[in-house]
Amino acid sequence: SKARMFEGLLDLMEQELQQEFRVIFQTHKQAEARVQ
């Protein structure tokens, strides 16, 4: 369905953001820097 296509985009978006957040959390220990 078209709804599943939109869900596929949302899944990709979530995966990409979580990948970026993992890198941030691995490379920065200060919480303030992580938030920024």
PDB file of all heavy atoms in Angstrom:
ATOM      1  N   SER A   1       0.854  -1.196   0.000  1.00  0.00           N
ATOM      2  CA  SER A   1       0.000   0.000   0.000  1.00  0.00           C
ATOM      3  C   SER A   1       0.887   1.243   0.000  1.00  0.00           C
ATOM      4  O   SER A   1       2.083   1.184   0.290  1.00  0.00           O
ATOM      5  CB  SER A   1      -0.889   0.014   1.251  1.00  0.00           C
ATOM      6  OG  SER A   1      -0.084   0.158   2.409  1.00  0.00           O
ATOM      7  N   LYS A   2       0.247   2.370  -0.306  1.00  0.00           N
ATOM      8  CA  LYS A   2       0.981   3.631  -0.251  1.00  0.00           C
ATOM      9  C   LYS A   2       1.401   3.937   1.193  1.00  0.00           C
ATOM     10  O   LYS A   2       2.485   4.484   1.430  1.00  0.00           O
ATOM     11  CB  LYS A   2       0.142   4.777  -0.821  1.00  0.00           C
ATOM     12  CG  LYS A   2       0.907   6.077  -0.896  1.00  0.00           C
ATOM     13  CD  LYS A   2       0.221   7.135  -1.730  1.00  0.00           C
ATOM     14  CE  LYS A   2      -1.091   7.528  -1.138  1.00  0.00           C
ATOM     15  NZ  LYS A   2      -1.594   8.816  -1.662  1.00  0.00           N
ATOM     16  N   ALA A   3       0.571   3.560   2.146  1.00  0.00           N
ATOM     17  CA  ALA A   3       0.915   3.765   3.554  1.00  0.00           C
ATOM     18  C   ALA A   3       2.227   3.057   3.887  1.00  0.00           C
ATOM     19  O   ALA A   3       3.073   3.591   4.607  1.00  0.00           O
ATOM     20  CB  ALA A   3      -0.211   3.270   4.456  1.00  0.00           C
ATOM     21  N   ARG A   4       2.422   1.855   3.339  1.00  0.00           N
ATOM     22  CA  ARG A   4       3.673   1.117   3.599  1.00  0.00           C
ATOM     23  C   ARG A   4       4.869   1.831   2.959  1.00  0.00           C
ATOM     24  O   ARG A   4       5.990   1.760   3.476  1.00  0.00           O
ATOM     25  CB  ARG A   4       3.576  -0.305   3.059  1.00  0.00           C
ATOM     26  CG  ARG A   4       2.610  -1.158   3.787  1.00  0.00           C
ATOM     27  CD  ARG A   4       3.181  -1.637   5.082  1.00  0.00           C
ATOM     28  NE  ARG A   4       2.269  -2.595   5.668  1.00  0.00           N
ATOM     29  CZ  ARG A   4       2.261  -2.926   6.926  1.00  0.00           C
ATOM     30  NH1 ARG A   4       3.133  -2.391   7.764  1.00  0.00           N
ATOM     31  NH2 ARG A   4       1.399  -3.794   7.385  1.00  0.00           N
ATOM     32  N   MET A   5       4.638   2.522   1.855  1.00  0.00           N
ATOM     33  CA  MET A   5       5.724   3.292   1.240  1.00  0.00           C
ATOM     34  C   MET A   5       6.137   4.440   2.164  1.00  0.00           C
ATOM     35  O   MET A   5       7.328   4.677   2.396  1.00  0.00           O
ATOM     36  CB  MET A   5       5.294   3.838  -0.122  1.00  0.00           C
ATOM     37  CG  MET A   5       5.011   2.765  -1.152  1.00  0.00           C
ATOM     38  SD  MET A   5       4.362   3.487  -2.683  1.00  0.00           S
ATOM     39  CE  MET A   5       3.435   2.094  -3.333  1.00  0.00           C
ATOM     40  N   PHE A   6       5.143   5.144   2.711  1.00  0.00           N
ATOM     41  CA  PHE A   6       5.444   6.220   3.654  1.00  0.00           C
ATOM     42  C   PHE A   6       6.149   5.659   4.888  1.00  0.00           C
ATOM     43  O   PHE A   6       7.103   6.256   5.398  1.00  0.00           O
ATOM     44  CB  PHE A   6       4.166   6.953   4.069  1.00  0.00           C
ATOM     45  CG  PHE A   6       3.671   7.947   3.059  1.00  0.00           C
ATOM     46  CD1 PHE A   6       2.360   7.918   2.620  1.00  0.00           C
ATOM     47  CD2 PHE A   6       4.504   8.933   2.548  1.00  0.00           C
ATOM     48  CE1 PHE A   6       1.885   8.835   1.696  1.00  0.00           C
ATOM     49  CE2 PHE A   6       4.042   9.857   1.622  1.00  0.00           C
ATOM     50  CZ  PHE A   6       2.729   9.816   1.194  1.00  0.00           C
ATOM     51  N   GLU A   7       5.683   4.507   5.366  1.00  0.00           N
ATOM     52  CA  GLU A   7       6.330   3.877   6.518  1.00  0.00           C
ATOM     53  C   GLU A   7       7.777   3.502   6.198  1.00  0.00           C
ATOM     54  O   GLU A   7       8.659   3.619   7.052  1.00  0.00           O
ATOM     55  CB  GLU A   7       5.550   2.642   6.967  1.00  0.00           C
ATOM     56  CG  GLU A   7       4.252   2.994   7.671  1.00  0.00           C
ATOM     57  CD  GLU A   7       3.401   1.776   7.985  1.00  0.00           C
ATOM     58  OE1 GLU A   7       3.716   0.660   7.512  1.00  0.00           O
ATOM     59  OE2 GLU A   7       2.408   1.944   8.710  1.00  0.00           O
ATOM     60  N   GLY A   8       8.010   3.075   4.952  1.00  0.00           N
ATOM     61  CA  GLY A   8       9.379   2.760   4.529  1.00  0.00           C
ATOM     62  C   GLY A   8      10.272   3.983   4.611  1.00  0.00           C
ATOM     63  O   GLY A   8      11.424   3.892   5.054  1.00  0.00           O
ATOM     64  N   LEU A   9       9.740   5.146   4.209  1.00  0.00           N
ATOM     65  CA  LEU A   9      10.514   6.389   4.321  1.00  0.00           C
ATOM     66  C   LEU A   9      10.774   6.743   5.785  1.00  0.00           C
ATOM     67  O   LEU A   9      11.875   7.167   6.149  1.00  0.00           O
ATOM     68  CB  LEU A   9       9.778   7.543   3.638  1.00  0.00           C
ATOM     69  CG  LEU A   9       9.874   7.620   2.122  1.00  0.00           C
ATOM     70  CD1 LEU A   9       9.057   8.797   1.602  1.00  0.00           C
ATOM     71  CD2 LEU A   9      11.311   7.737   1.649  1.00  0.00           C
ATOM     72  N   LEU A  10       9.762   6.568   6.623  1.00  0.00           N
ATOM     73  CA  LEU A  10       9.930   6.861   8.047  1.00  0.00           C
ATOM     74  C   LEU A  10      10.962   5.931   8.679  1.00  0.00           C
ATOM     75  O   LEU A  10      11.780   6.354   9.502  1.00  0.00           O
ATOM     76  CB  LEU A  10       8.586   6.759   8.773  1.00  0.00           C
ATOM     77  CG  LEU A  10       7.581   7.873   8.433  1.00  0.00           C
ATOM     78  CD1 LEU A  10       6.188   7.517   8.940  1.00  0.00           C
ATOM     79  CD2 LEU A  10       8.039   9.211   9.001  1.00  0.00           C
ATOM     80  N   ASP A  11      10.947   4.660   8.266  1.00  0.00           N
ATOM     81  CA  ASP A  11      11.946   3.702   8.764  1.00  0.00           C
ATOM     82  C   ASP A  11      13.354   4.125   8.365  1.00  0.00           C
ATOM     83  O   ASP A  11      14.278   4.100   9.189  1.00  0.00           O
ATOM     84  CB  ASP A  11      11.665   2.290   8.236  1.00  0.00           C
ATOM     85  CG  ASP A  11      10.438   1.653   8.864  1.00  0.00           C
ATOM     86  OD1 ASP A  11       9.992   2.120   9.934  1.00  0.00           O
ATOM     87  OD2 ASP A  11       9.921   0.681   8.269  1.00  0.00           O
ATOM     88  N   LEU A  12      13.515   4.512   7.095  1.00  0.00           N
ATOM     89  CA  LEU A  12      14.833   4.956   6.627  1.00  0.00           C
ATOM     90  C   LEU A  12      15.303   6.195   7.377  1.00  0.00           C
ATOM     91  O   LEU A  12      16.475   6.306   7.748  1.00  0.00           O
ATOM     92  CB  LEU A  12      14.798   5.241   5.122  1.00  0.00           C
ATOM     93  CG  LEU A  12      14.709   4.030   4.203  1.00  0.00           C
ATOM     94  CD1 LEU A  12      14.548   4.482   2.757  1.00  0.00           C
ATOM     95  CD2 LEU A  12      15.951   3.162   4.336  1.00  0.00           C
ATOM     96  N   MET A  13      14.382   7.114   7.592  1.00  0.00           N
ATOM     97  CA  MET A  13      14.696   8.337   8.315  1.00  0.00           C
ATOM     98  C   MET A  13      15.168   8.007   9.733  1.00  0.00           C
ATOM     99  O   MET A  13      16.201   8.506  10.194  1.00  0.00           O
ATOM    100  CB  MET A  13      13.424   9.195   8.376  1.00  0.00           C
ATOM    101  CG  MET A  13      13.593  10.555   8.958  1.00  0.00           C
ATOM    102  SD  MET A  13      12.004  11.460   9.092  1.00  0.00           S
ATOM    103  CE  MET A  13      11.147  11.018   7.592  1.00  0.00           C
ATOM    104  N   GLU A  14      14.437   7.138  10.404  1.00  0.00           N
ATOM    105  CA  GLU A  14      14.783   6.762  11.768  1.00  0.00           C
ATOM    106  C   GLU A  14      16.141   6.067  11.823  1.00  0.00           C
ATOM    107  O   GLU A  14      16.978   6.367  12.678  1.00  0.00           O
ATOM    108  CB  GLU A  14      13.699   5.857  12.348  1.00  0.00           C
ATOM    109  CG  GLU A  14      13.794   5.679  13.838  1.00  0.00           C
ATOM    110  CD  GLU A  14      12.514   5.142  14.429  1.00  0.00           C
ATOM    111  OE1 GLU A  14      11.831   4.329  13.765  1.00  0.00           O
ATOM    112  OE2 GLU A  14      12.199   5.528  15.558  1.00  0.00           O
ATOM    113  N   GLN A  15      16.395   5.174  10.868  1.00  0.00           N
ATOM    114  CA  GLN A  15      17.676   4.468  10.828  1.00  0.00           C
ATOM    115  C   GLN A  15      18.838   5.445  10.621  1.00  0.00           C
ATOM    116  O   GLN A  15      19.875   5.346  11.293  1.00  0.00           O
ATOM    117  CB  GLN A  15      17.679   3.419   9.714  1.00  0.00           C
ATOM    118  CG  GLN A  15      16.797   2.221   9.992  1.00  0.00           C
ATOM    119  CD  GLN A  15      16.561   1.381   8.748  1.00  0.00           C
ATOM    120  OE1 GLN A  15      17.263   1.506   7.753  1.00  0.00           O
ATOM    121  NE2 GLN A  15      15.554   0.521   8.801  1.00  0.00           N
ATOM    122  N   GLU A  16      18.658   6.373   9.695  1.00  0.00           N
ATOM    123  CA  GLU A  16      19.729   7.335   9.413  1.00  0.00           C
ATOM    124  C   GLU A  16      20.013   8.224  10.618  1.00  0.00           C
ATOM    125  O   GLU A  16      21.170   8.451  10.976  1.00  0.00           O
ATOM    126  CB  GLU A  16      19.351   8.190   8.196  1.00  0.00           C
ATOM    127  CG  GLU A  16      20.482   9.080   7.713  1.00  0.00           C
ATOM    128  CD  GLU A  16      20.171   9.806   6.422  1.00  0.00           C
ATOM    129  OE1 GLU A  16      19.424   9.267   5.577  1.00  0.00           O
ATOM    130  OE2 GLU A  16      20.676  10.934   6.273  1.00  0.00           O
ATOM    131  N   LEU A  17      18.957   8.709  11.268  1.00  0.00           N
ATOM    132  CA  LEU A  17      19.138   9.566  12.436  1.00  0.00           C
ATOM    133  C   LEU A  17      19.777   8.797  13.598  1.00  0.00           C
ATOM    134  O   LEU A  17      20.677   9.309  14.267  1.00  0.00           O
ATOM    135  CB  LEU A  17      17.809  10.176  12.869  1.00  0.00           C
ATOM    136  CG  LEU A  17      17.268  11.275  11.950  1.00  0.00           C
ATOM    137  CD1 LEU A  17      15.839  11.647  12.343  1.00  0.00           C
ATOM    138  CD2 LEU A  17      18.168  12.507  11.967  1.00  0.00           C
ATOM    139  N   GLN A  18      19.313   7.566  13.819  1.00  0.00           N
ATOM    140  CA  GLN A  18      19.879   6.776  14.911  1.00  0.00           C
ATOM    141  C   GLN A  18      21.355   6.473  14.667  1.00  0.00           C
ATOM    142  O   GLN A  18      22.154   6.456  15.603  1.00  0.00           O
ATOM    143  CB  GLN A  18      19.084   5.481  15.119  1.00  0.00           C
ATOM    144  CG  GLN A  18      17.690   5.698  15.677  1.00  0.00           C
ATOM    145  CD  GLN A  18      17.671   6.549  16.935  1.00  0.00           C
ATOM    146  OE1 GLN A  18      18.542   6.436  17.793  1.00  0.00           O
ATOM    147  NE2 GLN A  18      16.683   7.420  17.051  1.00  0.00           N
ATOM    148  N   GLN A  19      21.723   6.256  13.419  1.00  0.00           N
ATOM    149  CA  GLN A  19      23.146   6.046  13.075  1.00  0.00           C
ATOM    150  C   GLN A  19      23.949   7.289  13.436  1.00  0.00           C
ATOM    151  O   GLN A  19      25.027   7.196  14.032  1.00  0.00           O
ATOM    152  CB  GLN A  19      23.263   5.729  11.584  1.00  0.00           C
ATOM    153  CG  GLN A  19      24.684   5.659  11.066  1.00  0.00           C
ATOM    154  CD  GLN A  19      25.376   4.374  11.477  1.00  0.00           C
ATOM    155  OE1 GLN A  19      24.733   3.377  11.737  1.00  0.00           O
ATOM    156  NE2 GLN A  19      26.688   4.414  11.548  1.00  0.00           N
ATOM    157  N   GLU A  20      23.426   8.458  13.085  1.00  0.00           N
ATOM    158  CA  GLU A  20      24.133   9.699  13.412  1.00  0.00           C
ATOM    159  C   GLU A  20      24.225   9.900  14.917  1.00  0.00           C
ATOM    160  O   GLU A  20      25.263  10.322  15.440  1.00  0.00           O
ATOM    161  CB  GLU A  20      23.435  10.892  12.749  1.00  0.00           C
ATOM    162  CG  GLU A  20      23.591  10.900  11.235  1.00  0.00           C
ATOM    163  CD  GLU A  20      23.081  12.178  10.605  1.00  0.00           C
ATOM    164  OE1 GLU A  20      23.355  13.258  11.173  1.00  0.00           O
ATOM    165  OE2 GLU A  20      22.423  12.092   9.559  1.00  0.00           O
ATOM    166  N   PHE A  21      23.157   9.585  15.629  1.00  0.00           N
ATOM    167  CA  PHE A  21      23.161   9.747  17.083  1.00  0.00           C
ATOM    168  C   PHE A  21      24.161   8.796  17.738  1.00  0.00           C
ATOM    169  O   PHE A  21      24.820   9.159  18.706  1.00  0.00           O
ATOM    170  CB  PHE A  21      21.765   9.514  17.669  1.00  0.00           C
ATOM    171  CG  PHE A  21      20.758  10.576  17.295  1.00  0.00           C
ATOM    172  CD1 PHE A  21      19.413  10.369  17.526  1.00  0.00           C
ATOM    173  CD2 PHE A  21      21.138  11.774  16.717  1.00  0.00           C
ATOM    174  CE1 PHE A  21      18.476  11.328  17.193  1.00  0.00           C
ATOM    175  CE2 PHE A  21      20.218  12.749  16.370  1.00  0.00           C
ATOM    176  CZ  PHE A  21      18.871  12.526  16.614  1.00  0.00           C
ATOM    177  N   ARG A  22      24.276   7.568  17.213  1.00  0.00           N
ATOM    178  CA  ARG A  22      25.256   6.615  17.757  1.00  0.00           C
ATOM    179  C   ARG A  22      26.671   7.185  17.663  1.00  0.00           C
ATOM    180  O   ARG A  22      27.455   7.094  18.601  1.00  0.00           O
ATOM    181  CB  ARG A  22      25.175   5.266  17.036  1.00  0.00           C
ATOM    182  CG  ARG A  22      24.166   4.306  17.637  1.00  0.00           C
ATOM    183  CD  ARG A  22      24.309   2.909  17.100  1.00  0.00           C
ATOM    184  NE  ARG A  22      23.974   2.781  15.694  1.00  0.00           N
ATOM    185  CZ  ARG A  22      22.728   2.683  15.232  1.00  0.00           C
ATOM    186  NH1 ARG A  22      21.711   2.678  16.063  1.00  0.00           N
ATOM    187  NH2 ARG A  22      22.511   2.558  13.954  1.00  0.00           N
ATOM    188  N   VAL A  23      26.979   7.773  16.514  1.00  0.00           N
ATOM    189  CA  VAL A  23      28.311   8.375  16.325  1.00  0.00           C
ATOM    190  C   VAL A  23      28.508   9.518  17.331  1.00  0.00           C
ATOM    191  O   VAL A  23      29.568   9.638  17.952  1.00  0.00           O
ATOM    192  CB  VAL A  23      28.484   8.874  14.870  1.00  0.00           C
ATOM    193  CG1 VAL A  23      29.756   9.693  14.726  1.00  0.00           C
ATOM    194  CG2 VAL A  23      28.483   7.701  13.899  1.00  0.00           C
ATOM    195  N   ILE A  24      27.486  10.351  17.504  1.00  0.00           N
ATOM    196  CA  ILE A  24      27.572  11.464  18.458  1.00  0.00           C
ATOM    197  C   ILE A  24      27.837  10.930  19.865  1.00  0.00           C
ATOM    198  O   ILE A  24      28.709  11.422  20.586  1.00  0.00           O
ATOM    199  CB  ILE A  24      26.276  12.309  18.426  1.00  0.00           C
ATOM    200  CG1 ILE A  24      26.196  13.107  17.114  1.00  0.00           C
ATOM    201  CG2 ILE A  24      26.203  13.249  19.638  1.00  0.00           C
ATOM    202  CD1 ILE A  24      24.847  13.736  16.838  1.00  0.00           C
ATOM    203  N   PHE A  25      27.107   9.896  20.265  1.00  0.00           N
ATOM    204  CA  PHE A  25      27.248   9.355  21.612  1.00  0.00           C
ATOM    205  C   PHE A  25      28.603   8.668  21.805  1.00  0.00           C
ATOM    206  O   PHE A  25      29.144   8.673  22.909  1.00  0.00           O
ATOM    207  CB  PHE A  25      26.101   8.394  21.924  1.00  0.00           C
ATOM    208  CG  PHE A  25      24.869   9.098  22.421  1.00  0.00           C
ATOM    209  CD1 PHE A  25      24.119   9.900  21.570  1.00  0.00           C
ATOM    210  CD2 PHE A  25      24.466   8.976  23.730  1.00  0.00           C
ATOM    211  CE1 PHE A  25      22.994  10.561  22.014  1.00  0.00           C
ATOM    212  CE2 PHE A  25      23.331   9.635  24.194  1.00  0.00           C
ATOM    213  CZ  PHE A  25      22.593  10.435  23.335  1.00  0.00           C
ATOM    214  N   GLN A  26      29.139   8.084  20.736  1.00  0.00           N
ATOM    215  CA  GLN A  26      30.439   7.417  20.845  1.00  0.00           C
ATOM    216  C   GLN A  26      31.593   8.406  20.902  1.00  0.00           C
ATOM    217  O   GLN A  26      32.620   8.140  21.525  1.00  0.00           O
ATOM    218  CB  GLN A  26      30.646   6.453  19.673  1.00  0.00           C
ATOM    219  CG  GLN A  26      29.773   5.213  19.753  1.00  0.00           C
ATOM    220  CD  GLN A  26      29.751   4.444  18.434  1.00  0.00           C
ATOM    221  OE1 GLN A  26      30.390   4.813  17.460  1.00  0.00           O
ATOM    222  NE2 GLN A  26      28.986   3.361  18.407  1.00  0.00           N
ATOM    223  N   THR A  27      31.440   9.539  20.251  1.00  0.00           N
ATOM    224  CA  THR A  27      32.564  10.469  20.131  1.00  0.00           C
ATOM    225  C   THR A  27      32.496  11.664  21.078  1.00  0.00           C
ATOM    226  O   THR A  27      33.473  12.396  21.193  1.00  0.00           O
ATOM    227  CB  THR A  27      32.694  10.983  18.678  1.00  0.00           C
ATOM    228  OG1 THR A  27      31.453  11.581  18.289  1.00  0.00           O
ATOM    229  CG2 THR A  27      33.035   9.853  17.735  1.00  0.00           C
ATOM    230  N   HIS A  28      31.364  11.877  21.733  1.00  0.00           N
ATOM    231  CA  HIS A  28      31.219  13.010  22.648  1.00  0.00           C
ATOM    232  C   HIS A  28      30.655  12.524  23.977  1.00  0.00           C
ATOM    233  O   HIS A  28      29.609  11.877  24.007  1.00  0.00           O
ATOM    234  CB  HIS A  28      30.305  14.088  22.057  1.00  0.00           C
ATOM    235  CG  HIS A  28      30.861  14.713  20.827  1.00  0.00           C
ATOM    236  ND1 HIS A  28      30.713  14.152  19.578  1.00  0.00           N
ATOM    237  CD2 HIS A  28      31.596  15.829  20.649  1.00  0.00           C
ATOM    238  CE1 HIS A  28      31.328  14.904  18.684  1.00  0.00           C
ATOM    239  NE2 HIS A  28      31.875  15.921  19.305  1.00  0.00           N
ATOM    240  N   LYS A  29      31.336  12.845  25.045  1.00  0.00           N
ATOM    241  CA  LYS A  29      30.916  12.391  26.371  1.00  0.00           C
ATOM    242  C   LYS A  29      30.095  13.444  27.102  1.00  0.00           C
ATOM    243  O   LYS A  29      29.300  13.124  27.968  1.00  0.00           O
ATOM    244  CB  LYS A  29      32.140  12.004  27.223  1.00  0.00           C
ATOM    245  CG  LYS A  29      32.946  10.866  26.612  1.00  0.00           C
ATOM    246  CD  LYS A  29      32.080   9.657  26.337  1.00  0.00           C
ATOM    247  CE  LYS A  29      32.836   8.580  25.570  1.00  0.00           C
ATOM    248  NZ  LYS A  29      31.944   7.620  24.937  1.00  0.00           N
ATOM    249  N   GLN A  30      30.293  14.714  26.782  1.00  0.00           N
ATOM    250  CA  GLN A  30      29.554  15.779  27.459  1.00  0.00           C
ATOM    251  C   GLN A  30      28.117  15.820  26.960  1.00  0.00           C
ATOM    252  O   GLN A  30      27.860  15.903  25.752  1.00  0.00           O
ATOM    253  CB  GLN A  30      30.195  17.133  27.196  1.00  0.00           C
ATOM    254  CG  GLN A  30      31.204  17.553  28.233  1.00  0.00           C
ATOM    255  CD  GLN A  30      31.481  19.035  28.087  1.00  0.00           C
ATOM    256  OE1 GLN A  30      31.499  19.581  26.981  1.00  0.00           O
ATOM    257  NE2 GLN A  30      31.711  19.701  29.211  1.00  0.00           N
ATOM    258  N   ALA A  31      27.194  15.791  27.894  1.00  0.00           N
ATOM    259  CA  ALA A  31      25.776  15.775  27.534  1.00  0.00           C
ATOM    260  C   ALA A  31      25.370  17.040  26.773  1.00  0.00           C
ATOM    261  O   ALA A  31      24.578  16.982  25.839  1.00  0.00           O
ATOM    262  CB  ALA A  31      24.919  15.607  28.785  1.00  0.00           C
ATOM    263  N   GLU A  32      25.910  18.176  27.174  1.00  0.00           N
ATOM    264  CA  GLU A  32      25.569  19.431  26.495  1.00  0.00           C
ATOM    265  C   GLU A  32      25.972  19.385  25.021  1.00  0.00           C
ATOM    266  O   GLU A  32      25.217  19.803  24.139  1.00  0.00           O
ATOM    267  CB  GLU A  32      26.271  20.586  27.204  1.00  0.00           C
ATOM    268  CG  GLU A  32      25.834  21.944  26.749  1.00  0.00           C
ATOM    269  CD  GLU A  32      26.564  23.031  27.520  1.00  0.00           C
ATOM    270  OE1 GLU A  32      26.458  23.060  28.758  1.00  0.00           O
ATOM    271  OE2 GLU A  32      27.244  23.838  26.864  1.00  0.00           O
ATOM    272  N   ALA A  33      27.173  18.853  24.745  1.00  0.00           N
ATOM    273  CA  ALA A  33      27.629  18.714  23.357  1.00  0.00           C
ATOM    274  C   ALA A  33      26.738  17.736  22.607  1.00  0.00           C
ATOM    275  O   ALA A  33      26.414  17.958  21.430  1.00  0.00           O
ATOM    276  CB  ALA A  33      29.079  18.244  23.320  1.00  0.00           C
ATOM    277  N   ARG A  34      26.332  16.662  23.276  1.00  0.00           N
ATOM    278  CA  ARG A  34      25.444  15.689  22.630  1.00  0.00           C
ATOM    279  C   ARG A  34      24.121  16.336  22.223  1.00  0.00           C
ATOM    280  O   ARG A  34      23.627  16.119  21.120  1.00  0.00           O
ATOM    281  CB  ARG A  34      25.174  14.515  23.565  1.00  0.00           C
ATOM    282  CG  ARG A  34      26.349  13.582  23.734  1.00  0.00           C
ATOM    283  CD  ARG A  34      26.038  12.494  24.721  1.00  0.00           C
ATOM    284  NE  ARG A  34      27.091  11.493  24.767  1.00  0.00           N
ATOM    285  CZ  ARG A  34      27.075  10.445  25.574  1.00  0.00           C
ATOM    286  NH1 ARG A  34      26.054  10.252  26.406  1.00  0.00           N
ATOM    287  NH2 ARG A  34      28.063   9.580  25.559  1.00  0.00           N
ATOM    288  N   VAL A  35      23.544  17.125  23.138  1.00  0.00           N
ATOM    289  CA  VAL A  35      22.274  17.802  22.837  1.00  0.00           C
ATOM    290  C   VAL A  35      22.448  18.713  21.627  1.00  0.00           C
ATOM    291  O   VAL A  35      21.659  18.677  20.675  1.00  0.00           O
ATOM    292  CB  VAL A  35      21.761  18.600  24.057  1.00  0.00           C
ATOM    293  CG1 VAL A  35      20.609  19.513  23.669  1.00  0.00           C
ATOM    294  CG2 VAL A  35      21.325  17.648  25.170  1.00  0.00           C
ATOM    295  N   GLN A  36      23.502  19.525  21.655  1.00  0.00           N
ATOM    296  CA  GLN A  36      23.751  20.450  20.544  1.00  0.00           C
ATOM    297  C   GLN A  36      23.894  19.696  19.226  1.00  0.00           C
ATOM    298  O   GLN A  36      23.289  20.063  18.210  1.00  0.00           O
ATOM    299  CB  GLN A  36      25.007  21.276  20.820  1.00  0.00           C
ATOM    300  CG  GLN A  36      25.367  22.211  19.678  1.00  0.00           C
ATOM    301  CD  GLN A  36      26.672  22.951  19.919  1.00  0.00           C
ATOM    302  OE1 GLN A  36      27.312  22.799  20.960  1.00  0.00           O
ATOM    303  NE2 GLN A  36      27.073  23.756  18.944  1.00  0.00           N
TER     304      GLN A  36
END
